[in-house]
PDB file of N, CA and C in Angstrom:
ATOM      1  N   MET A   1      87.951  59.494 144.075  1.00  0.00           N
ATOM      2  CA  MET A   1      86.647  59.047 144.427  1.00  0.00           C
ATOM      3  C   MET A   1      85.955  58.436 143.198  1.00  0.00           C
ATOM      4  N   LEU A   2      85.205  57.434 143.465  1.00  0.00           N
ATOM      5  CA  LEU A   2      84.570  56.603 142.413  1.00  0.00           C
ATOM      6  C   LEU A   2      83.153  57.034 142.252  1.00  0.00           C
ATOM      7  N   ASN A   3      82.761  57.364 141.036  1.00  0.00           N
ATOM      8  CA  ASN A   3      81.337  57.682 140.717  1.00  0.00           C
ATOM      9  C   ASN A   3      80.588  56.419 140.553  1.00  0.00           C
ATOM     10  N   ILE A   4      79.564  56.325 141.378  1.00  0.00           N
ATOM     11  CA  ILE A   4      78.703  55.107 141.412  1.00  0.00           C
ATOM     12  C   ILE A   4      77.929  54.845 140.087  1.00  0.00           C
ATOM     13  N   ASP A   5      77.478  55.907 139.521  1.00  0.00           N
ATOM     14  CA  ASP A   5      76.619  55.806 138.271  1.00  0.00           C
ATOM     15  C   ASP A   5      77.450  55.316 137.039  1.00  0.00           C
ATOM     16  N   THR A   6      78.628  55.997 136.803  1.00  0.00           N
ATOM     17  CA  THR A   6      79.373  55.694 135.683  1.00  0.00           C
ATOM     18  C   THR A   6      80.606  54.704 135.901  1.00  0.00           C
ATOM     19  N   GLY A   7      81.050  54.608 137.176  1.00  0.00           N
ATOM     20  CA  GLY A   7      82.138  53.747 137.500  1.00  0.00           C
ATOM     21  C   GLY A   7      83.446  54.399 137.184  1.00  0.00           C
ATOM     22  N   GLU A   8      83.472  55.703 136.880  1.00  0.00           N
ATOM     23  CA  GLU A   8      84.727  56.399 136.535  1.00  0.00           C
ATOM     24  C   GLU A   8      85.300  57.091 137.754  1.00  0.00           C
ATOM     25  N   GLU A   9      86.626  57.394 137.749  1.00  0.00           N
ATOM     26  CA  GLU A   9      87.263  58.040 138.852  1.00  0.00           C
ATOM     27  C   GLU A   9      87.062  59.575 138.782  1.00  0.00           C
ATOM     28  N   ILE A  10      86.663  60.163 139.798  1.00  0.00           N
ATOM     29  CA  ILE A  10      86.446  61.630 139.847  1.00  0.00           C
ATOM     30  C   ILE A  10      87.456  62.234 140.869  1.00  0.00           C
ATOM     31  N   PRO A  11      88.098  63.271 140.455  1.00  0.00           N
ATOM     32  CA  PRO A  11      88.970  63.971 141.487  1.00  0.00           C
ATOM     33  C   PRO A  11      88.147  64.548 142.588  1.00  0.00           C
ATOM     34  N   ALA A  12      88.724  64.543 143.787  1.00  0.00           N
ATOM     35  CA  ALA A  12      87.982  64.952 145.019  1.00  0.00           C
ATOM     36  C   ALA A  12      88.960  65.819 145.874  1.00  0.00           C
ATOM     37  N   LEU A  13      88.404  66.769 146.598  1.00  0.00           N
ATOM     38  CA  LEU A  13      89.217  67.525 147.541  1.00  0.00           C
ATOM     39  C   LEU A  13      88.904  67.002 148.923  1.00  0.00           C
ATOM     40  N   PHE A  14      89.922  66.654 149.667  1.00  0.00           N
ATOM     41  CA  PHE A  14      89.807  66.116 151.009  1.00  0.00           C
ATOM     42  C   PHE A  14      90.196  67.245 151.991  1.00  0.00           C
ATOM     43  N   LYS A  15      89.306  67.640 152.903  1.00  0.00           N
ATOM     44  CA  LYS A  15      89.477  68.700 153.898  1.00  0.00           C
ATOM     45  C   LYS A  15      89.356  68.143 155.310  1.00  0.00           C
ATOM     46  N   PHE A  16      90.308  68.516 156.155  1.00  0.00           N
ATOM     47  CA  PHE A  16      90.233  68.150 157.578  1.00  0.00           C
ATOM     48  C   PHE A  16      89.904  69.392 158.377  1.00  0.00           C
ATOM     49  N   TYR A  17      89.002  69.260 159.292  1.00  0.00           N
ATOM     50  CA  TYR A  17      88.561  70.318 160.291  1.00  0.00           C
ATOM     51  C   TYR A  17      88.827  69.846 161.699  1.00  0.00           C
ATOM     52  N   ASP A  18      89.151  70.777 162.525  1.00  0.00           N
ATOM     53  CA  ASP A  18      89.191  70.635 163.941  1.00  0.00           C
ATOM     54  C   ASP A  18      87.902  71.336 164.461  1.00  0.00           C
ATOM     55  N   ILE A  19      87.055  70.664 165.268  1.00  0.00           N
ATOM     56  CA  ILE A  19      85.840  71.265 165.719  1.00  0.00           C
ATOM     57  C   ILE A  19      86.018  71.540 167.239  1.00  0.00           C
ATOM     58  N   ARG A  20      85.902  72.884 167.537  1.00  0.00           N
ATOM     59  CA  ARG A  20      86.093  73.275 168.905  1.00  0.00           C
ATOM     60  C   ARG A  20      85.050  74.358 169.171  1.00  0.00           C
ATOM     61  N   GLY A  21      84.309  74.156 170.275  1.00  0.00           N
ATOM     62  CA  GLY A  21      83.270  75.165 170.624  1.00  0.00           C
ATOM     63  C   GLY A  21      82.195  75.420 169.559  1.00  0.00           C
ATOM     64  N   GLY A  22      81.889  74.377 168.839  1.00  0.00           N
ATOM     65  CA  GLY A  22      80.850  74.470 167.792  1.00  0.00           C
ATOM     66  C   GLY A  22      81.329  75.165 166.480  1.00  0.00           C
ATOM     67  N   LYS A  23      82.640  75.462 166.372  1.00  0.00           N
ATOM     68  CA  LYS A  23      83.137  76.115 165.158  1.00  0.00           C
ATOM     69  C   LYS A  23      84.133  75.173 164.481  1.00  0.00           C
ATOM     70  N   LYS A  24      84.213  75.243 163.118  1.00  0.00           N
ATOM     71  CA  LYS A  24      85.080  74.437 162.362  1.00  0.00           C
ATOM     72  C   LYS A  24      86.339  75.263 162.012  1.00  0.00           C
ATOM     73  N   TYR A  25      87.504  74.684 162.294  1.00  0.00           N
ATOM     74  CA  TYR A  25      88.752  75.338 161.888  1.00  0.00           C
ATOM     75  C   TYR A  25      89.415  74.403 160.928  1.00  0.00           C
ATOM     76  N   GLU A  26      89.700  74.904 159.719  1.00  0.00           N
ATOM     77  CA  GLU A  26      90.286  74.090 158.682  1.00  0.00           C
ATOM     78  C   GLU A  26      91.815  73.880 159.011  1.00  0.00           C
ATOM     79  N   LYS A  27      92.283  72.629 159.008  1.00  0.00           N
ATOM     80  CA  LYS A  27      93.572  72.279 159.302  1.00  0.00           C
ATOM     81  C   LYS A  27      94.371  71.894 158.124  1.00  0.00           C
ATOM     82  N   PHE A  28      93.793  71.186 157.076  1.00  0.00           N
ATOM     83  CA  PHE A  28      94.511  70.630 156.011  1.00  0.00           C
ATOM     84  C   PHE A  28      93.559  70.350 154.867  1.00  0.00           C
ATOM     85  N   LYS A  29      94.068  70.553 153.615  1.00  0.00           N
ATOM     86  CA  LYS A  29      93.268  70.139 152.424  1.00  0.00           C
ATOM     87  C   LYS A  29      94.172  69.683 151.341  1.00  0.00           C
ATOM     88  N   THR A  30      93.792  68.680 150.602  1.00  0.00           N
ATOM     89  CA  THR A  30      94.563  68.199 149.522  1.00  0.00           C
ATOM     90  C   THR A  30      93.688  67.310 148.561  1.00  0.00           C
ATOM     91  N   THR A  31      94.153  67.051 147.362  1.00  0.00           N
ATOM     92  CA  THR A  31      93.394  66.219 146.457  1.00  0.00           C
ATOM     93  C   THR A  31      93.993  64.772 146.447  1.00  0.00           C
ATOM     94  N   ASP A  32      95.032  64.571 147.256  1.00  0.00           N
ATOM     95  CA  ASP A  32      95.713  63.272 147.249  1.00  0.00           C
ATOM     96  C   ASP A  32      95.214  62.474 148.537  1.00  0.00           C
ATOM     97  N   ILE A  33      94.609  61.364 148.320  1.00  0.00           N
ATOM     98  CA  ILE A  33      94.090  60.591 149.458  1.00  0.00           C
ATOM     99  C   ILE A  33      95.244  60.009 150.454  1.00  0.00           C
ATOM    100  N   ASP A  34      96.310  59.680 149.764  1.00  0.00           N
ATOM    101  CA  ASP A  34      97.429  59.141 150.491  1.00  0.00           C
ATOM    102  C   ASP A  34      98.004  60.220 151.397  1.00  0.00           C
ATOM    103  N   ARG A  35      98.178  61.413 150.964  1.00  0.00           N
ATOM    104  CA  ARG A  35      98.619  62.515 151.785  1.00  0.00           C
ATOM    105  C   ARG A  35      97.662  62.817 152.950  1.00  0.00           C
ATOM    106  N   ALA A  36      96.374  62.745 152.635  1.00  0.00           N
ATOM    107  CA  ALA A  36      95.366  63.033 153.597  1.00  0.00           C
ATOM    108  C   ALA A  36      95.453  61.967 154.763  1.00  0.00           C
ATOM    109  N   ILE A  37      95.592  60.732 154.441  1.00  0.00           N
ATOM    110  CA  ILE A  37      95.653  59.669 155.456  1.00  0.00           C
ATOM    111  C   ILE A  37      96.904  59.880 156.265  1.00  0.00           C
ATOM    112  N   LYS A  38      98.037  60.156 155.608  1.00  0.00           N
ATOM    113  CA  LYS A  38      99.321  60.359 156.323  1.00  0.00           C
ATOM    114  C   LYS A  38      99.193  61.504 157.308  1.00  0.00           C
ATOM    115  N   PHE A  39      98.598  62.601 156.840  1.00  0.00           N
ATOM    116  CA  PHE A  39      98.365  63.782 157.701  1.00  0.00           C
ATOM    117  C   PHE A  39      97.579  63.402 158.911  1.00  0.00           C
ATOM    118  N   HIS A  40      96.489  62.699 158.659  1.00  0.00           N
ATOM    119  CA  HIS A  40      95.581  62.374 159.771  1.00  0.00           C
ATOM    120  C   HIS A  40      96.344  61.505 160.756  1.00  0.00           C
ATOM    121  N   LYS A  41      97.042  60.529 160.315  1.00  0.00           N
ATOM    122  CA  LYS A  41      97.756  59.628 161.223  1.00  0.00           C
ATOM    123  C   LYS A  41      98.755  60.393 162.038  1.00  0.00           C
ATOM    124  N   TRP A  42      99.478  61.371 161.419  1.00  0.00           N
ATOM    125  CA  TRP A  42     100.479  62.139 162.147  1.00  0.00           C
ATOM    126  C   TRP A  42      99.740  63.086 163.189  1.00  0.00           C
ATOM    127  N   TYR A  43      98.649  63.691 162.785  1.00  0.00           N
ATOM    128  CA  TYR A  43      97.915  64.509 163.717  1.00  0.00           C
ATOM    129  C   TYR A  43      97.333  63.805 164.929  1.00  0.00           C
ATOM    130  N   VAL A  44      96.880  62.589 164.696  1.00  0.00           N
ATOM    131  CA  VAL A  44      96.349  61.806 165.818  1.00  0.00           C
ATOM    132  C   VAL A  44      97.514  61.368 166.767  1.00  0.00           C
ATOM    133  N   ALA A  45      98.626  60.995 166.190  1.00  0.00           N
ATOM    134  CA  ALA A  45      99.827  60.600 166.981  1.00  0.00           C
ATOM    135  C   ALA A  45     100.344  61.765 167.702  1.00  0.00           C
ATOM    136  N   ARG A  46     100.299  62.929 167.178  1.00  0.00           N
ATOM    137  CA  ARG A  46     100.865  64.124 167.818  1.00  0.00           C
ATOM    138  C   ARG A  46      99.949  64.675 168.950  1.00  0.00           C
ATOM    139  N   TYR A  47      98.641  64.808 168.575  1.00  0.00           N
ATOM    140  CA  TYR A  47      97.665  65.558 169.471  1.00  0.00           C
ATOM    141  C   TYR A  47      96.762  64.582 170.213  1.00  0.00           C
ATOM    142  N   GLN A  48      96.646  63.316 169.965  1.00  0.00           N
ATOM    143  CA  GLN A  48      95.872  62.372 170.555  1.00  0.00           C
ATOM    144  C   GLN A  48      94.297  62.783 170.442  1.00  0.00           C
ATOM    145  N   ARG A  49      93.934  63.255 169.294  1.00  0.00           N
ATOM    146  CA  ARG A  49      92.547  63.652 168.919  1.00  0.00           C
ATOM    147  C   ARG A  49      92.394  63.562 167.443  1.00  0.00           C
ATOM    148  N   GLY A  50      91.216  63.151 166.995  1.00  0.00           N
ATOM    149  CA  GLY A  50      90.872  63.048 165.591  1.00  0.00           C
ATOM    150  C   GLY A  50      90.414  64.296 164.936  1.00  0.00           C
ATOM    151  N   LEU A  51      90.285  64.311 163.673  1.00  0.00           N
ATOM    152  CA  LEU A  51      89.745  65.472 162.900  1.00  0.00           C
ATOM    153  C   LEU A  51      88.487  65.024 162.080  1.00  0.00           C
ATOM    154  N   PHE A  52      87.681  65.992 161.763  1.00  0.00           N
ATOM    155  CA  PHE A  52      86.510  65.801 160.855  1.00  0.00           C
ATOM    156  C   PHE A  52      86.981  65.826 159.461  1.00  0.00           C
ATOM    157  N   MET A  53      86.660  64.844 158.637  1.00  0.00           N
ATOM    158  CA  MET A  53      87.071  64.802 157.272  1.00  0.00           C
ATOM    159  C   MET A  53      85.855  65.079 156.321  1.00  0.00           C
ATOM    160  N   GLU A  54      85.982  66.001 155.373  1.00  0.00           N
ATOM    161  CA  GLU A  54      84.955  66.266 154.420  1.00  0.00           C
ATOM    162  C   GLU A  54      85.521  65.956 153.020  1.00  0.00           C
ATOM    163  N   ILE A  55      84.715  65.345 152.167  1.00  0.00           N
ATOM    164  CA  ILE A  55      85.145  64.925 150.837  1.00  0.00           C
ATOM    165  C   ILE A  55      84.296  65.679 149.846  1.00  0.00           C
ATOM    166  N   LEU A  56      84.958  66.515 149.049  1.00  0.00           N
ATOM    167  CA  LEU A  56      84.179  67.328 148.048  1.00  0.00           C
ATOM    168  C   LEU A  56      84.544  66.948 146.648  1.00  0.00           C
ATOM    169  N   PRO A  57      83.567  66.320 145.888  1.00  0.00           N
ATOM    170  CA  PRO A  57      83.853  65.885 144.520  1.00  0.00           C
ATOM    171  C   PRO A  57      84.016  67.159 143.561  1.00  0.00           C
ATOM    172  N   GLU A  58      84.804  66.950 142.471  1.00  0.00           N
ATOM    173  CA  GLU A  58      84.913  67.954 141.554  1.00  0.00           C
ATOM    174  C   GLU A  58      83.649  68.103 140.645  1.00  0.00           C
ATOM    175  N   LYS A  59      83.242  69.336 140.411  1.00  0.00           N
ATOM    176  CA  LYS A  59      82.091  69.560 139.583  1.00  0.00           C
ATOM    177  C   LYS A  59      82.430  70.511 138.383  1.00  0.00           C
ATOM    178  N   THR A  60      81.851  70.223 137.274  1.00  0.00           N
ATOM    179  CA  THR A  60      82.105  71.069 136.093  1.00  0.00           C
ATOM    180  C   THR A  60      80.917  72.049 135.935  1.00  0.00           C
ATOM    181  N   VAL A  61      81.246  73.369 135.873  1.00  0.00           N
ATOM    182  CA  VAL A  61      80.268  74.395 135.773  1.00  0.00           C
ATOM    183  C   VAL A  61      80.501  75.148 134.470  1.00  0.00           C
ATOM    184  N   TYR A  62      79.379  75.306 133.662  1.00  0.00           N
ATOM    185  CA  TYR A  62      79.482  76.043 132.453  1.00  0.00           C
ATOM    186  C   TYR A  62      78.919  77.418 132.634  1.00  0.00           C
ATOM    187  N   ILE A  63      79.650  78.437 132.286  1.00  0.00           N
ATOM    188  CA  ILE A  63      79.195  79.876 132.252  1.00  0.00           C
ATOM    189  C   ILE A  63      78.841  80.319 130.893  1.00  0.00           C
ATOM    190  N   PRO A  64      77.581  80.379 130.561  1.00  0.00           N
ATOM    191  CA  PRO A  64      77.132  80.678 129.224  1.00  0.00           C
ATOM    192  C   PRO A  64      77.600  82.068 128.783  1.00  0.00           C
ATOM    193  N   LYS A  65      77.553  83.161 129.616  1.00  0.00           N
ATOM    194  CA  LYS A  65      77.956  84.460 129.221  1.00  0.00           C
ATOM    195  C   LYS A  65      79.390  84.522 128.672  1.00  0.00           C
ATOM    196  N   GLU A  66      80.230  83.875 129.404  1.00  0.00           N
ATOM    197  CA  GLU A  66      81.656  83.847 129.073  1.00  0.00           C
ATOM    198  C   GLU A  66      82.098  82.728 128.154  1.00  0.00           C
ATOM    199  N   ARG A  67      81.132  81.764 127.978  1.00  0.00           N
ATOM    200  CA  ARG A  67      81.466  80.589 127.209  1.00  0.00           C
ATOM    201  C   ARG A  67      82.673  79.763 127.651  1.00  0.00           C
ATOM    202  N   LYS A  68      82.749  79.549 128.929  1.00  0.00           N
ATOM    203  CA  LYS A  68      83.869  78.794 129.391  1.00  0.00           C
ATOM    204  C   LYS A  68      83.352  77.798 130.534  1.00  0.00           C
ATOM    205  N   VAL A  69      84.191  76.797 130.706  1.00  0.00           N
ATOM    206  CA  VAL A  69      83.870  75.765 131.651  1.00  0.00           C
ATOM    207  C   VAL A  69      84.883  75.858 132.822  1.00  0.00           C
ATOM    208  N   ILE A  70      84.324  75.881 134.087  1.00  0.00           N
ATOM    209  CA  ILE A  70      85.142  75.968 135.235  1.00  0.00           C
ATOM    210  C   ILE A  70      85.020  74.692 136.087  1.00  0.00           C
ATOM    211  N   LYS A  71      86.031  74.128 136.578  1.00  0.00           N
ATOM    212  CA  LYS A  71      85.977  73.016 137.485  1.00  0.00           C
ATOM    213  C   LYS A  71      86.206  73.429 138.908  1.00  0.00           C
ATOM    214  N   THR A  72      85.185  73.110 139.768  1.00  0.00           N
ATOM    215  CA  THR A  72      85.329  73.521 141.196  1.00  0.00           C
ATOM    216  C   THR A  72      84.925  72.375 142.046  1.00  0.00           C
ATOM    217  N   PHE A  73      85.361  72.463 143.303  1.00  0.00           N
ATOM    218  CA  PHE A  73      85.034  71.539 144.356  1.00  0.00           C
ATOM    219  C   PHE A  73      83.887  72.080 145.162  1.00  0.00           C
ATOM    220  N   GLU A  74      82.719  71.379 145.234  1.00  0.00           N
ATOM    221  CA  GLU A  74      81.591  71.807 146.034  1.00  0.00           C
ATOM    222  C   GLU A  74      81.107  70.668 146.845  1.00  0.00           C
TER     223      GLU A  74
END
C-alpha cells in the first residue's frame, strides 16, 4: 500500500469476508496482494460470488511503560 503523504510503501493486511445474513465471516487474510488477488479469482470461479475485501495498513504503536514498539494492523 502506498502512503499518499510520504510516497513510501507501507505493509498492509488484506482480509476477505463473506457477508451472509448481515454477519461477516472471515475467509482469508494475507499481506501479499498477489496471493489475495489469486484467492479472490479462485473463489469467484468456484462459488460464483464475490467477497468483501478490507485493507488494513500497518501502524506503529509505542508503549511507554514497557518502552517497546509494536507494529499492528488496524
